[in-house]
Amino acid sequence: DTTLPTASNPTPIVVQCSADVPLPNVAVVTDEADNCSTPTVAFVSDVSNGNTCPEIITRTYSVTDNCGNSINITQTITVDDTTLPTASNPAPIAVQCSADFPLPDVAVVIDEADNCTAVPIVQHVGDVSDGNTCPEVITRTYSVTDNCGNSINVTQTITVDDTTLPTASNPTSINVECMDDVPAFDITVVTDEADNQGTPIVAFV
């Protein structure tokens, strides 16, 4: 017997993650045949192309008859993560003053997850104000990216709204003899005006 056995290449496989690559299985070769015997199928090797996203693995099986006539067939396994990571929007924040505005902190994104990457990368993207005051609403954006570059954005709302009243003491009382002695109003008699956002404006009412 000098005739080679025959078999078709197994169906290609596409998986998302390296962990999803199946173990070799000779049963994927389904139509091996020979002119004299039932050939034996054996796993030979897996060879990666060394790339990522996608990585192509060429899996080789041998098909050998009883006289040692043998052919190789190959199965292509593509590893390509196309699934987006997930994360929730961070909890909103409300502050009284611009000075209380927190710096970006990726730790506010607490539930980032991905199907292949153990810990996706969280980065601050930017802050966008609505341009208003009292309140001003700022939308802070973070990106969540896996090892294959699949990325989503999550947003945190930061509201800056001063609802705290300013403070001041009543000015010292004045006694005069006549109406003509009543002094003109003078805002400087208010000497201890204060506020959580700076120096408040004193006006005669």
Protein backbone atom coordinates (compact mmCIF):
# COMPACT_ATOMS: atom_id res chain seq x y z
CA ASP A 1 0.00 0.00 0.00
CA THR A 2 1.62 3.22 -1.21
CA THR A 3 -1.55 5.26 -1.43
CA LEU A 4 -1.94 8.14 0.98
CA PRO A 5 -5.03 8.28 3.17
CA THR A 6 -7.41 11.20 2.73
CA ALA A 7 -9.16 13.64 5.05
CA SER A 8 -10.57 17.17 4.95
CA ASN A 9 -9.33 20.07 7.03
CA PRO A 10 -11.54 20.43 10.11
CA THR A 11 -13.91 23.37 10.29
CA PRO A 12 -12.24 26.61 11.42
CA ILE A 13 -13.05 27.87 14.92
CA VAL A 14 -13.38 31.43 16.19
CA VAL A 15 -13.21 32.09 19.94
CA GLN A 16 -13.15 35.27 22.03
CA CYS A 17 -10.43 34.47 24.57
CA SER A 18 -7.31 32.37 24.85
CA ALA A 19 -9.02 30.46 27.63
CA ASP A 20 -11.72 29.46 25.14
CA VAL A 21 -9.30 27.66 22.79
CA PRO A 22 -10.46 24.02 22.86
CA LEU A 23 -8.13 21.16 23.61
CA PRO A 24 -7.04 19.05 20.63
CA ASN A 25 -9.71 16.55 19.67
CA VAL A 26 -9.16 14.00 16.91
CA ALA A 27 -12.93 13.66 16.59
CA VAL A 28 -12.99 16.95 14.64
CA VAL A 29 -11.52 14.94 11.73
CA THR A 30 -14.69 13.28 10.49
CA ASP A 31 -13.99 11.94 7.01
CA GLU A 32 -10.60 10.21 7.23
CA ALA A 33 -10.39 7.33 4.74
CA ASP A 34 -7.90 4.94 3.14
CA ASN A 35 -7.84 2.40 0.34
CA CYS A 36 -6.73 -0.44 2.61
CA SER A 37 -7.33 0.38 6.29
CA THR A 38 -9.01 2.67 8.73
CA PRO A 39 -6.43 5.43 9.22
CA THR A 40 -5.36 6.74 12.62
CA VAL A 41 -5.80 10.42 13.44
CA ALA A 42 -3.33 12.03 15.87
CA PHE A 43 -2.70 15.54 17.12
CA VAL A 44 0.62 16.98 15.89
CA SER A 45 0.98 20.58 17.05
CA ASP A 46 -0.42 24.07 17.57
CA VAL A 47 1.47 26.98 16.01
CA SER A 48 0.54 30.60 16.74
CA ASN A 49 1.22 33.44 14.34
CA GLY A 50 2.34 35.46 17.36
CA ASN A 51 -0.21 38.22 16.91
CA THR A 52 -3.02 39.35 19.17
CA CYS A 53 -6.51 40.61 18.43
CA PRO A 54 -6.66 38.45 16.40
CA GLU A 55 -4.26 35.62 17.05
CA ILE A 56 -4.31 32.81 14.48
CA ILE A 57 -3.43 29.31 15.71
CA THR A 58 -2.83 26.59 13.17
CA ARG A 59 -3.65 23.21 14.66
CA THR A 60 -2.25 20.20 12.78
CA TYR A 61 -3.48 16.60 12.84
CA SER A 62 -1.88 13.63 11.09
CA VAL A 63 -3.84 10.93 9.30
CA THR A 64 -1.85 7.67 8.97
CA ASP A 65 -2.75 4.29 7.50
CA ASN A 66 -1.46 0.88 8.58
CA CYS A 67 1.48 1.06 6.21
CA GLY A 68 2.70 4.40 7.51
CA ASN A 69 1.41 6.48 4.63
CA SER A 70 0.52 9.81 6.24
CA ILE A 71 -0.87 13.25 5.50
CA ASN A 72 -1.31 16.33 7.65
CA ILE A 73 -4.44 18.42 7.81
CA THR A 74 -4.90 21.73 9.59
CA GLN A 75 -7.57 23.51 11.55
CA THR A 76 -7.49 27.29 11.92
CA ILE A 77 -8.39 28.68 15.36
CA THR A 78 -8.89 32.45 15.52
CA VAL A 79 -8.70 34.11 18.94
CA ASP A 80 -10.26 37.56 18.68
CA ASP A 81 -11.92 39.41 21.55
CA THR A 82 -14.64 41.63 20.09
CA THR A 83 -16.73 41.90 23.27
CA LEU A 84 -16.90 45.28 25.00
CA PRO A 85 -15.94 45.50 28.67
CA THR A 86 -18.60 46.57 31.15
CA ALA A 87 -18.79 49.09 33.98
CA SER A 88 -21.41 51.17 35.76
CA ASN A 89 -21.49 54.95 35.85
CA PRO A 90 -19.83 56.17 39.07
CA ALA A 91 -22.10 57.61 41.77
CA PRO A 92 -22.98 61.29 41.27
CA ILE A 93 -21.30 63.88 43.50
CA ALA A 94 -22.70 67.18 44.82
CA VAL A 95 -20.36 69.84 46.24
CA GLN A 96 -20.95 73.34 47.58
CA CYS A 97 -17.97 75.20 46.11
CA SER A 98 -15.65 75.03 43.12
CA ALA A 99 -12.81 74.54 45.60
CA ASP A 100 -14.49 71.32 46.72
CA PHE A 101 -14.42 69.92 43.19
CA PRO A 102 -12.63 66.53 43.39
CA LEU A 103 -9.71 65.56 41.19
CA PRO A 104 -10.28 62.69 38.74
CA ASP A 105 -9.99 59.32 40.45
CA VAL A 106 -10.24 56.08 38.46
CA ALA A 107 -11.05 54.26 41.71
CA VAL A 108 -14.61 55.61 41.50
CA VAL A 109 -15.19 53.04 38.76
CA ILE A 110 -15.62 49.99 40.95
CA ASP A 111 -17.15 47.23 38.84
CA GLU A 112 -15.20 47.22 35.58
CA ALA A 113 -15.14 43.74 34.04
CA ASP A 114 -14.35 41.96 30.79
CA ASN A 115 -14.82 38.55 29.24
CA CYS A 116 -11.09 38.06 28.57
CA THR A 117 -9.09 40.71 30.39
CA ALA A 118 -8.91 40.16 34.15
CA VAL A 119 -8.80 43.87 34.96
CA PRO A 120 -9.60 46.32 32.16
CA ILE A 121 -7.84 49.68 32.25
CA VAL A 122 -9.79 52.72 33.52
CA GLN A 123 -8.63 56.20 32.45
CA HIS A 124 -9.94 59.73 32.88
CA VAL A 125 -11.07 61.14 29.53
CA GLY A 126 -12.28 64.65 30.35
CA ASP A 127 -14.63 67.01 32.20
CA VAL A 128 -17.34 68.99 30.42
CA SER A 129 -19.28 71.79 32.16
CA ASP A 130 -22.77 72.85 31.18
CA GLY A 131 -21.57 76.44 31.54
CA ASN A 132 -24.10 77.37 34.19
CA THR A 133 -23.64 78.49 37.79
CA CYS A 134 -25.62 77.76 40.93
CA PRO A 135 -25.84 74.97 39.96
CA GLU A 136 -23.08 74.08 37.54
CA VAL A 137 -23.26 70.50 36.27
CA ILE A 138 -20.01 68.88 35.15
CA THR A 139 -19.95 65.57 33.30
CA ARG A 140 -16.76 63.63 34.02
CA THR A 141 -15.97 60.81 31.61
CA TYR A 142 -13.84 57.72 32.20
CA SER A 143 -12.92 55.09 29.59
CA VAL A 144 -12.80 51.35 30.31
CA THR A 145 -10.58 49.44 27.87
CA ASP A 146 -9.65 45.76 27.58
CA ASN A 147 -6.42 44.27 26.23
CA CYS A 148 -7.78 44.15 22.69
CA GLY A 149 -8.72 47.83 22.65
CA ASN A 150 -12.45 47.29 23.07
CA SER A 151 -13.58 50.34 25.03
CA ILE A 152 -16.61 51.97 26.60
CA ASN A 153 -17.11 55.29 28.37
CA VAL A 154 -18.84 55.79 31.70
CA THR A 155 -19.83 59.16 33.12
CA GLN A 156 -20.03 60.73 36.55
CA THR A 157 -22.15 63.81 37.23
CA ILE A 158 -20.65 66.42 39.55
CA THR A 159 -23.00 69.22 40.64
CA VAL A 160 -21.51 72.41 42.08
CA ASP A 161 -24.27 74.31 43.92
CA ASP A 162 -23.76 76.68 46.84
CA THR A 163 -26.83 76.40 49.06
CA THR A 164 -25.14 77.69 52.23
CA LEU A 165 -26.24 81.13 53.45
CA PRO A 166 -23.57 83.80 54.07
CA THR A 167 -23.11 85.03 57.64
CA ALA A 168 -22.84 88.46 59.28
CA SER A 169 -23.54 90.09 62.64
CA ASN A 170 -26.03 92.91 63.13
CA PRO A 171 -24.11 96.24 63.16
CA THR A 172 -23.75 98.09 66.46
CA SER A 173 -26.89 100.01 67.41
CA ILE A 174 -26.77 103.84 67.20
CA ASN A 175 -28.62 106.40 69.37
CA VAL A 176 -29.15 109.94 68.07
CA GLU A 177 -31.05 112.94 69.43
CA CYS A 178 -32.76 114.11 66.24
CA MET A 179 -33.92 112.74 62.91
CA ASP A 180 -31.41 115.00 61.22
CA ASP A 181 -28.68 113.18 63.10
CA VAL A 182 -29.57 109.81 61.56
CA PRO A 183 -26.48 108.93 59.52
CA ALA A 184 -26.65 108.02 55.87
CA PHE A 185 -26.49 104.32 55.24
CA ASP A 186 -22.98 102.93 55.23
CA ILE A 187 -22.34 99.32 54.26
CA THR A 188 -18.98 99.38 56.06
CA VAL A 189 -20.83 99.08 59.38
CA VAL A 190 -21.18 95.40 58.46
CA THR A 191 -17.71 94.23 59.39
CA ASP A 192 -17.78 90.44 59.63
CA GLU A 193 -19.63 89.29 56.52
CA ALA A 194 -18.42 85.84 55.42
CA ASP A 195 -19.35 83.02 53.11
CA ASN A 196 -18.16 79.56 52.17
CA GLN A 197 -17.50 80.80 48.61
CA GLY A 198 -15.63 84.03 49.25
CA THR A 199 -16.51 87.56 50.36
CA PRO A 200 -20.25 88.26 50.06
CA ILE A 201 -21.59 91.58 48.78
CA VAL A 202 -23.19 93.87 51.36
CA ALA A 203 -25.94 96.16 50.03
CA PHE A 204 -28.38 98.64 51.63
CA VAL A 205 -31.94 97.34 51.56
